């Protein structure tokens, strides 16, 4: 039986840049894993990247999911297009854009690239705030993580 992993991920900020958070929900073999995290000063794009990277790290850390087909669903075209289209040119160009500028968030892109290369990942995009149940759930987790993170800071 071929195992499958479904991942939904989201990231966001209050202000951009500003305090932000990331979240993911991972479902595999009838189990659900939910995680989120907070960063005091970040950007929306960074949080979107961290969300998918953390979800894939969770998957990689589960030997029972080795070789599984993975679907990552995100509302970030930056993530979805970046990892499926733009990254090939960035790697070829030494992590530079077609305009020769350094790729933004290169630390996160290189981590995601290295992690995802050994996995069978399909990257799906959904419109954010459009009623997609799992995307809305992740968005709520992001908002909660920001609220809790700001409370901890006082």
C-alpha atoms as a PDB file:
ATOM      1  CA  UNK A   1       0.000   0.000   0.000  1.00  0.00           C
ATOM      2  CA  UNK A   2       1.376   3.374  -0.999  1.00  0.00           C
ATOM      3  CA  UNK A   3       1.265   5.885   1.808  1.00  0.00           C
ATOM      4  CA  UNK A   4       0.054   9.405   1.168  1.00  0.00           C
ATOM      5  CA  UNK A   5       0.587  12.553   3.168  1.00  0.00           C
ATOM      6  CA  UNK A   6      -1.650  15.609   2.939  1.00  0.00           C
ATOM      7  CA  UNK A   7      -0.192  18.877   4.182  1.00  0.00           C
ATOM      8  CA  UNK A   8      -1.867  22.255   4.445  1.00  0.00           C
ATOM      9  CA  UNK A   9       0.304  25.199   5.414  1.00  0.00           C
ATOM     10  CA  UNK A  10      -0.033  28.923   5.988  1.00  0.00           C
ATOM     11  CA  UNK A  11       1.964  31.835   7.286  1.00  0.00           C
ATOM     12  CA  UNK A  12       1.201  35.435   8.034  1.00  0.00           C
ATOM     13  CA  UNK A  13       2.150  38.646   9.778  1.00  0.00           C
ATOM     14  CA  UNK A  14       0.601  41.579  11.577  1.00  0.00           C
ATOM     15  CA  UNK A  15       2.109  44.194   9.358  1.00  0.00           C
ATOM     16  CA  UNK A  16       4.645  43.135   6.783  1.00  0.00           C
ATOM     17  CA  UNK A  17       7.234  43.078   8.235  1.00  0.00           C
ATOM     18  CA  UNK A  18       6.027  42.557  11.754  1.00  0.00           C
ATOM     19  CA  UNK A  19       5.242  39.844  14.264  1.00  0.00           C
ATOM     20  CA  UNK A  20       4.282  36.691  12.414  1.00  0.00           C
ATOM     21  CA  UNK A  21       3.516  33.028  12.637  1.00  0.00           C
ATOM     22  CA  UNK A  22       3.374  29.846  10.614  1.00  0.00           C
ATOM     23  CA  UNK A  23       1.193  26.752  10.888  1.00  0.00           C
ATOM     24  CA  UNK A  24       0.601  23.425   9.228  1.00  0.00           C
ATOM     25  CA  UNK A  25      -1.719  20.464   9.434  1.00  0.00           C
ATOM     26  CA  UNK A  26      -0.381  17.095   8.286  1.00  0.00           C
ATOM     27  CA  UNK A  27      -2.626  14.068   7.780  1.00  0.00           C
ATOM     28  CA  UNK A  28      -1.312  10.587   7.097  1.00  0.00           C
ATOM     29  CA  UNK A  29      -2.621   7.113   7.843  1.00  0.00           C
ATOM     30  CA  UNK A  30      -5.569   8.455   9.802  1.00  0.00           C
ATOM     31  CA  UNK A  31      -3.477  10.613  12.117  1.00  0.00           C
ATOM     32  CA  UNK A  32      -3.257  14.385  12.247  1.00  0.00           C
ATOM     33  CA  UNK A  33      -0.307  16.490  13.336  1.00  0.00           C
ATOM     34  CA  UNK A  34      -0.722  20.237  13.851  1.00  0.00           C
ATOM     35  CA  UNK A  35       2.118  22.631  14.583  1.00  0.00           C
ATOM     36  CA  UNK A  36       2.603  26.373  14.663  1.00  0.00           C
ATOM     37  CA  UNK A  37       5.262  28.855  15.659  1.00  0.00           C
ATOM     38  CA  UNK A  38       5.781  32.559  16.261  1.00  0.00           C
ATOM     39  CA  UNK A  39       8.484  35.017  15.236  1.00  0.00           C
ATOM     40  CA  UNK A  40       8.708  38.501  16.690  1.00  0.00           C
ATOM     41  CA  UNK A  41       9.960  40.225  13.526  1.00  0.00           C
ATOM     42  CA  UNK A  42       9.491  38.621  10.128  1.00  0.00           C
ATOM     43  CA  UNK A  43       7.648  38.842   6.808  1.00  0.00           C
ATOM     44  CA  UNK A  44       4.642  37.096   5.364  1.00  0.00           C
ATOM     45  CA  UNK A  45       6.726  35.327   2.710  1.00  0.00           C
ATOM     46  CA  UNK A  46       9.192  34.039   5.295  1.00  0.00           C
ATOM     47  CA  UNK A  47       6.349  32.609   7.386  1.00  0.00           C
ATOM     48  CA  UNK A  48       4.811  30.918   4.333  1.00  0.00           C
ATOM     49  CA  UNK A  49       8.184  29.281   3.607  1.00  0.00           C
ATOM     50  CA  UNK A  50       8.743  28.233   7.211  1.00  0.00           C
ATOM     51  CA  UNK A  51       5.283  26.630   7.330  1.00  0.00           C
ATOM     52  CA  UNK A  52       5.943  24.283   4.402  1.00  0.00           C
ATOM     53  CA  UNK A  53       9.515  23.581   5.477  1.00  0.00           C
ATOM     54  CA  UNK A  54       8.458  22.632   9.004  1.00  0.00           C
ATOM     55  CA  UNK A  55       5.726  20.388   7.604  1.00  0.00           C
ATOM     56  CA  UNK A  56       8.205  18.571   5.361  1.00  0.00           C
ATOM     57  CA  UNK A  57      10.645  18.253   8.277  1.00  0.00           C
ATOM     58  CA  UNK A  58       7.864  16.626  10.276  1.00  0.00           C
ATOM     59  CA  UNK A  59       7.270  14.211   7.404  1.00  0.00           C
ATOM     60  CA  UNK A  60      10.991  13.473   7.001  1.00  0.00           C
ATOM     61  CA  UNK A  61      11.226  12.713  10.709  1.00  0.00           C
ATOM     62  CA  UNK A  62       8.652   9.941  10.461  1.00  0.00           C
ATOM     63  CA  UNK A  63      10.250   6.717   9.170  1.00  0.00           C
ATOM     64  CA  UNK A  64       6.770   5.260   8.645  1.00  0.00           C
ATOM     65  CA  UNK A  65       6.209   7.892   5.931  1.00  0.00           C
ATOM     66  CA  UNK A  66       9.446   7.300   4.014  1.00  0.00           C
ATOM     67  CA  UNK A  67       8.719   7.251   0.290  1.00  0.00           C
ATOM     68  CA  UNK A  68       5.165   8.525   0.717  1.00  0.00           C
ATOM     69  CA  UNK A  69       3.537  10.681  -1.910  1.00  0.00           C
ATOM     70  CA  UNK A  70       3.053  14.138  -0.426  1.00  0.00           C
ATOM     71  CA  UNK A  71       0.627  16.863  -1.421  1.00  0.00           C
ATOM     72  CA  UNK A  72       1.376  20.293   0.003  1.00  0.00           C
ATOM     73  CA  UNK A  73      -1.445  22.798  -0.280  1.00  0.00           C
ATOM     74  CA  UNK A  74      -0.633  26.469   0.217  1.00  0.00           C
ATOM     75  CA  UNK A  75      -2.343  29.780  -0.475  1.00  0.00           C
ATOM     76  CA  UNK A  76       1.033  31.321  -1.314  1.00  0.00           C
ATOM     77  CA  UNK A  77       1.786  31.627  -5.004  1.00  0.00           C
ATOM     78  CA  UNK A  78       5.251  32.761  -3.913  1.00  0.00           C
ATOM     79  CA  UNK A  79       5.841  29.326  -2.380  1.00  0.00           C
ATOM     80  CA  UNK A  80       4.024  27.262  -5.003  1.00  0.00           C
ATOM     81  CA  UNK A  81       5.543  28.969  -8.033  1.00  0.00           C
ATOM     82  CA  UNK A  82       8.893  29.440  -6.326  1.00  0.00           C
ATOM     83  CA  UNK A  83       9.399  25.741  -5.612  1.00  0.00           C
ATOM     84  CA  UNK A  84       7.895  24.424  -8.868  1.00  0.00           C
ATOM     85  CA  UNK A  85       9.094  27.011 -11.397  1.00  0.00           C
ATOM     86  CA  UNK A  86      11.494  29.732 -10.290  1.00  0.00           C
ATOM     87  CA  UNK A  87      13.835  27.669  -8.132  1.00  0.00           C
ATOM     88  CA  UNK A  88      15.359  25.797 -11.064  1.00  0.00           C
ATOM     89  CA  UNK A  89      16.654  29.062 -12.552  1.00  0.00           C
ATOM     90  CA  UNK A  90      17.744  30.343  -9.156  1.00  0.00           C
ATOM     91  CA  UNK A  91      19.850  27.224  -8.554  1.00  0.00           C
ATOM     92  CA  UNK A  92      21.313  27.387 -12.065  1.00  0.00           C
ATOM     93  CA  UNK A  93      22.121  31.102 -11.568  1.00  0.00           C
ATOM     94  CA  UNK A  94      23.796  30.664  -8.175  1.00  0.00           C
ATOM     95  CA  UNK A  95      20.719  31.817  -6.222  1.00  0.00           C
ATOM     96  CA  UNK A  96      20.285  34.941  -8.296  1.00  0.00           C
ATOM     97  CA  UNK A  97      17.140  36.131 -10.043  1.00  0.00           C
ATOM     98  CA  UNK A  98      16.922  36.663 -13.781  1.00  0.00           C
ATOM     99  CA  UNK A  99      17.752  40.314 -13.022  1.00  0.00           C
ATOM    100  CA  UNK A 100      20.971  39.153 -11.270  1.00  0.00           C
ATOM    101  CA  UNK A 101      19.703  40.223  -7.823  1.00  0.00           C
ATOM    102  CA  UNK A 102      20.169  37.867  -4.874  1.00  0.00           C
ATOM    103  CA  UNK A 103      17.095  35.693  -4.241  1.00  0.00           C
ATOM    104  CA  UNK A 104      15.179  36.977  -1.227  1.00  0.00           C
ATOM    105  CA  UNK A 105      14.858  34.526   1.672  1.00  0.00           C
ATOM    106  CA  UNK A 106      17.639  32.401   0.196  1.00  0.00           C
ATOM    107  CA  UNK A 107      18.267  30.763   3.580  1.00  0.00           C
ATOM    108  CA  UNK A 108      14.731  29.387   3.620  1.00  0.00           C
ATOM    109  CA  UNK A 109      14.639  28.549  -0.084  1.00  0.00           C
ATOM    110  CA  UNK A 110      17.863  26.530   0.129  1.00  0.00           C
ATOM    111  CA  UNK A 111      16.576  24.639   3.174  1.00  0.00           C
ATOM    112  CA  UNK A 112      13.272  23.874   1.449  1.00  0.00           C
ATOM    113  CA  UNK A 113      15.033  22.869  -1.774  1.00  0.00           C
ATOM    114  CA  UNK A 114      17.402  20.464  -0.023  1.00  0.00           C
ATOM    115  CA  UNK A 115      14.629  18.941   2.059  1.00  0.00           C
ATOM    116  CA  UNK A 116      12.097  18.521  -0.744  1.00  0.00           C
ATOM    117  CA  UNK A 117      14.488  17.105  -3.353  1.00  0.00           C
ATOM    118  CA  UNK A 118      14.422  13.669  -1.755  1.00  0.00           C
ATOM    119  CA  UNK A 119      10.629  13.581  -1.529  1.00  0.00           C
ATOM    120  CA  UNK A 120       7.769  12.985  -3.921  1.00  0.00           C
ATOM    121  CA  UNK A 121       5.941  16.295  -3.435  1.00  0.00           C
ATOM    122  CA  UNK A 122       3.052  17.747  -5.406  1.00  0.00           C
ATOM    123  CA  UNK A 123       2.571  21.461  -4.741  1.00  0.00           C
ATOM    124  CA  UNK A 124      -1.020  22.727  -4.877  1.00  0.00           C
ATOM    125  CA  UNK A 125      -2.219  26.310  -4.645  1.00  0.00           C
ATOM    126  CA  UNK A 126      -5.599  27.392  -3.279  1.00  0.00           C
ATOM    127  CA  UNK A 127      -6.938  30.904  -3.001  1.00  0.00           C
ATOM    128  CA  UNK A 128      -6.620  32.184   0.537  1.00  0.00           C
ATOM    129  CA  UNK A 129      -9.657  33.335   2.505  1.00  0.00           C
ATOM    130  CA  UNK A 130     -11.953  31.591   0.044  1.00  0.00           C
ATOM    131  CA  UNK A 131     -13.560  29.074   2.400  1.00  0.00           C
ATOM    132  CA  UNK A 132     -11.158  26.152   1.869  1.00  0.00           C
ATOM    133  CA  UNK A 133     -11.614  24.304   5.183  1.00  0.00           C
ATOM    134  CA  UNK A 134      -8.021  23.286   5.853  1.00  0.00           C
ATOM    135  CA  UNK A 135      -6.557  26.559   4.602  1.00  0.00           C
ATOM    136  CA  UNK A 136      -8.898  28.423   6.943  1.00  0.00           C
ATOM    137  CA  UNK A 137      -7.885  26.111   9.800  1.00  0.00           C
ATOM    138  CA  UNK A 138      -4.203  26.879   9.218  1.00  0.00           C
ATOM    139  CA  UNK A 139      -4.947  30.589   8.964  1.00  0.00           C
ATOM    140  CA  UNK A 140      -6.737  30.453  12.325  1.00  0.00           C
ATOM    141  CA  UNK A 141      -3.750  28.667  13.830  1.00  0.00           C
ATOM    142  CA  UNK A 142      -1.472  31.436  12.494  1.00  0.00           C
ATOM    143  CA  UNK A 143      -3.665  34.144  14.024  1.00  0.00           C
ATOM    144  CA  UNK A 144      -3.736  32.302  17.361  1.00  0.00           C
ATOM    145  CA  UNK A 145       0.050  31.833  17.366  1.00  0.00           C
ATOM    146  CA  UNK A 146       0.521  35.569  16.750  1.00  0.00           C
ATOM    147  CA  UNK A 147      -1.868  36.467  19.589  1.00  0.00           C
ATOM    148  CA  UNK A 148      -0.151  34.061  21.984  1.00  0.00           C
ATOM    149  CA  UNK A 149       3.321  35.170  20.913  1.00  0.00           C
ATOM    150  CA  UNK A 150       2.481  38.824  21.454  1.00  0.00           C
ATOM    151  CA  UNK A 151       0.986  38.054  24.893  1.00  0.00           C
ATOM    152  CA  UNK A 152       4.180  36.241  25.934  1.00  0.00           C
ATOM    153  CA  UNK A 153       6.187  39.316  24.942  1.00  0.00           C
ATOM    154  CA  UNK A 154       4.085  41.491  27.228  1.00  0.00           C
END
